[in-house]
C-alpha atoms as a PDB file:
ATOM      1  CA  MET A   1      -0.259  -0.265   0.411  1.00  0.00           C
ATOM      2  CA  GLY A   2       1.004   3.265  -0.897  1.00  0.00           C
ATOM      3  CA  VAL A   3       1.833   6.784   1.307  1.00  0.00           C
ATOM      4  CA  VAL A   4      -0.646   8.093  -1.199  1.00  0.00           C
ATOM      5  CA  VAL A   5      -4.076   6.670  -1.704  1.00  0.00           C
ATOM      6  CA  VAL A   6      -6.460   7.545  -4.629  1.00  0.00           C
ATOM      7  CA  GLU A   7     -10.119   6.357  -4.230  1.00  0.00           C
ATOM      8  CA  VAL A   8     -12.088   6.130  -7.240  1.00  0.00           C
ATOM      9  CA  CYS A   9     -16.223   4.855  -7.115  1.00  0.00           C
ATOM     10  CA  ASP A  10     -16.537   2.520 -10.293  1.00  0.00           C
ATOM     11  CA  GLY A  11     -19.483   4.101 -11.319  1.00  0.00           C
ATOM     12  CA  ASN A  12     -17.600   7.703 -12.082  1.00  0.00           C
ATOM     13  CA  LEU A  13     -17.085   9.057 -15.346  1.00  0.00           C
ATOM     14  CA  ILE A  14     -13.229   8.893 -14.389  1.00  0.00           C
ATOM     15  CA  THR A  15     -13.448   5.034 -15.099  1.00  0.00           C
ATOM     16  CA  GLU A  16     -13.873   5.278 -18.724  1.00  0.00           C
ATOM     17  CA  LEU A  17      -9.467   6.213 -18.577  1.00  0.00           C
ATOM     18  CA  ASP A  18      -7.673   3.236 -17.050  1.00  0.00           C
ATOM     19  CA  ILE A  19      -6.973   5.588 -13.994  1.00  0.00           C
ATOM     20  CA  GLU A  20      -5.801   2.682 -11.838  1.00  0.00           C
ATOM     21  CA  GLY A  21      -3.083   1.535 -14.176  1.00  0.00           C
ATOM     22  CA  ILE A  22      -2.388   5.341 -15.240  1.00  0.00           C
ATOM     23  CA  ILE A  23      -1.798   6.231 -12.002  1.00  0.00           C
ATOM     24  CA  GLU A  24      -0.001   3.449 -10.465  1.00  0.00           C
ATOM     25  CA  SER A  25       2.486   3.205 -13.226  1.00  0.00           C
ATOM     26  CA  GLU A  26       3.255   6.413 -13.309  1.00  0.00           C
ATOM     27  CA  TYR A  27       3.874   6.506  -9.398  1.00  0.00           C
ATOM     28  CA  PRO A  28       4.682   3.130  -7.788  1.00  0.00           C
ATOM     29  CA  GLU A  29       4.220   4.491  -4.414  1.00  0.00           C
ATOM     30  CA  VAL A  30       0.409   5.277  -4.538  1.00  0.00           C
ATOM     31  CA  ALA A  31      -2.228   2.767  -4.473  1.00  0.00           C
ATOM     32  CA  VAL A  32      -5.541   3.300  -6.314  1.00  0.00           C
ATOM     33  CA  LEU A  33      -8.157   1.817  -4.727  1.00  0.00           C
ATOM     34  CA  MET A  34     -11.215   1.087  -6.909  1.00  0.00           C
ATOM     35  CA  ASN A  35     -15.073   1.157  -4.778  1.00  0.00           C
ATOM     36  CA  GLU A  36     -18.214   0.529  -5.443  1.00  0.00           C
ATOM     37  CA  CYS A  37     -19.916   3.615  -3.870  1.00  0.00           C
ATOM     38  CA  LEU A  38     -18.045   6.409  -2.203  1.00  0.00           C
ATOM     39  CA  SER A  39     -21.425   8.166  -1.175  1.00  0.00           C
ATOM     40  CA  PHE A  40     -21.063  11.107  -3.389  1.00  0.00           C
ATOM     41  CA  CYS A  41     -23.921   9.943  -5.829  1.00  0.00           C
ATOM     42  CA  GLY A  42     -25.042  13.301  -6.847  1.00  0.00           C
ATOM     43  CA  MET A  43     -21.488  14.347  -7.584  1.00  0.00           C
ATOM     44  CA  CYS A  44     -20.771  10.934  -9.194  1.00  0.00           C
ATOM     45  CA  ALA A  45     -23.365  11.161 -11.910  1.00  0.00           C
ATOM     46  CA  VAL A  46     -22.003  14.635 -13.037  1.00  0.00           C
ATOM     47  CA  ARG A  47     -18.357  14.979 -12.781  1.00  0.00           C
ATOM     48  CA  PRO A  48     -15.473  12.760 -12.612  1.00  0.00           C
ATOM     49  CA  TYR A  49     -13.669  12.681  -9.358  1.00  0.00           C
ATOM     50  CA  ALA A  50     -11.405  10.978  -6.943  1.00  0.00           C
ATOM     51  CA  ILE A  51     -10.611  11.060  -3.229  1.00  0.00           C
ATOM     52  CA  VAL A  52      -6.823  11.613  -2.739  1.00  0.00           C
ATOM     53  CA  ASN A  53      -5.908  10.881   0.792  1.00  0.00           C
ATOM     54  CA  GLY A  54      -9.217  12.398   1.651  1.00  0.00           C
ATOM     55  CA  THR A  55      -9.680  15.397  -0.299  1.00  0.00           C
ATOM     56  CA  ARG A  56     -12.201  15.418  -3.196  1.00  0.00           C
ATOM     57  CA  VAL A  57     -10.618  16.252  -6.720  1.00  0.00           C
ATOM     58  CA  PHE A  58     -12.750  16.900  -9.275  1.00  0.00           C
ATOM     59  CA  ALA A  59     -13.567  18.732 -12.313  1.00  0.00           C
ATOM     60  CA  LYS A  60     -15.403  19.423 -15.801  1.00  0.00           C
ATOM     61  CA  THR A  61     -13.854  16.551 -18.050  1.00  0.00           C
ATOM     62  CA  LYS A  62     -11.786  13.358 -17.045  1.00  0.00           C
ATOM     63  CA  GLU A  63      -8.813  14.447 -18.661  1.00  0.00           C
ATOM     64  CA  GLU A  64      -8.433  17.548 -16.394  1.00  0.00           C
ATOM     65  CA  ALA A  65      -9.466  15.454 -13.139  1.00  0.00           C
ATOM     66  CA  LEU A  66      -6.547  13.255 -14.142  1.00  0.00           C
ATOM     67  CA  ASP A  67      -4.542  16.411 -14.052  1.00  0.00           C
ATOM     68  CA  LYS A  68      -5.697  17.640 -10.824  1.00  0.00           C
ATOM     69  CA  ILE A  69      -5.460  14.133  -9.198  1.00  0.00           C
ATOM     70  CA  ARG A  70      -1.635  13.986 -10.586  1.00  0.00           C
ATOM     71  CA  THR A  71      -1.198  17.393  -8.809  1.00  0.00           C
ATOM     72  CA  LYS A  72      -2.724  16.682  -5.627  1.00  0.00           C
ATOM     73  CA  ILE A  73      -0.587  13.072  -5.419  1.00  0.00           C
ATOM     74  CA  GLU A  74       2.442  15.538  -6.288  1.00  0.00           C
ATOM     75  CA  GLU A  75       1.558  17.717  -3.324  1.00  0.00           C
ATOM     76  CA  GLU A  76       0.967  14.895  -0.981  1.00  0.00           C
ATOM     77  CA  LEU A  77       4.059  13.064  -2.081  1.00  0.00           C
ATOM     78  CA  ALA A  78       6.217  16.440  -1.438  1.00  0.00           C
ATOM     79  CA  VAL A  79       5.444  16.344   2.191  1.00  0.00           C
ATOM     80  CA  TYR A  80       7.617  12.801   2.485  1.00  0.00           C
ATOM     81  CA  ALA A  81      10.386  14.037   0.114  1.00  0.00           C
ATOM     82  CA  ASP A  82      13.796  15.431   2.094  1.00  0.00           C
END
């Protein structure tokens, strides 16, 4: 398990991308957890999003959401950098 956890609802629009494969290949220290439901049904149906270490990250498009997720991961990993 990584120092950064990205949680994704498997009913979310962002799953049209291989979010798990993309993130885990770019960031080996990150764990992507696919869940049946993250209890944000209103957002899940309308916008692509994920939860990165407890913080919701969302955008209008799945590509923009992926970029924001990467940015949040970088912020979280910076805490562990020397």
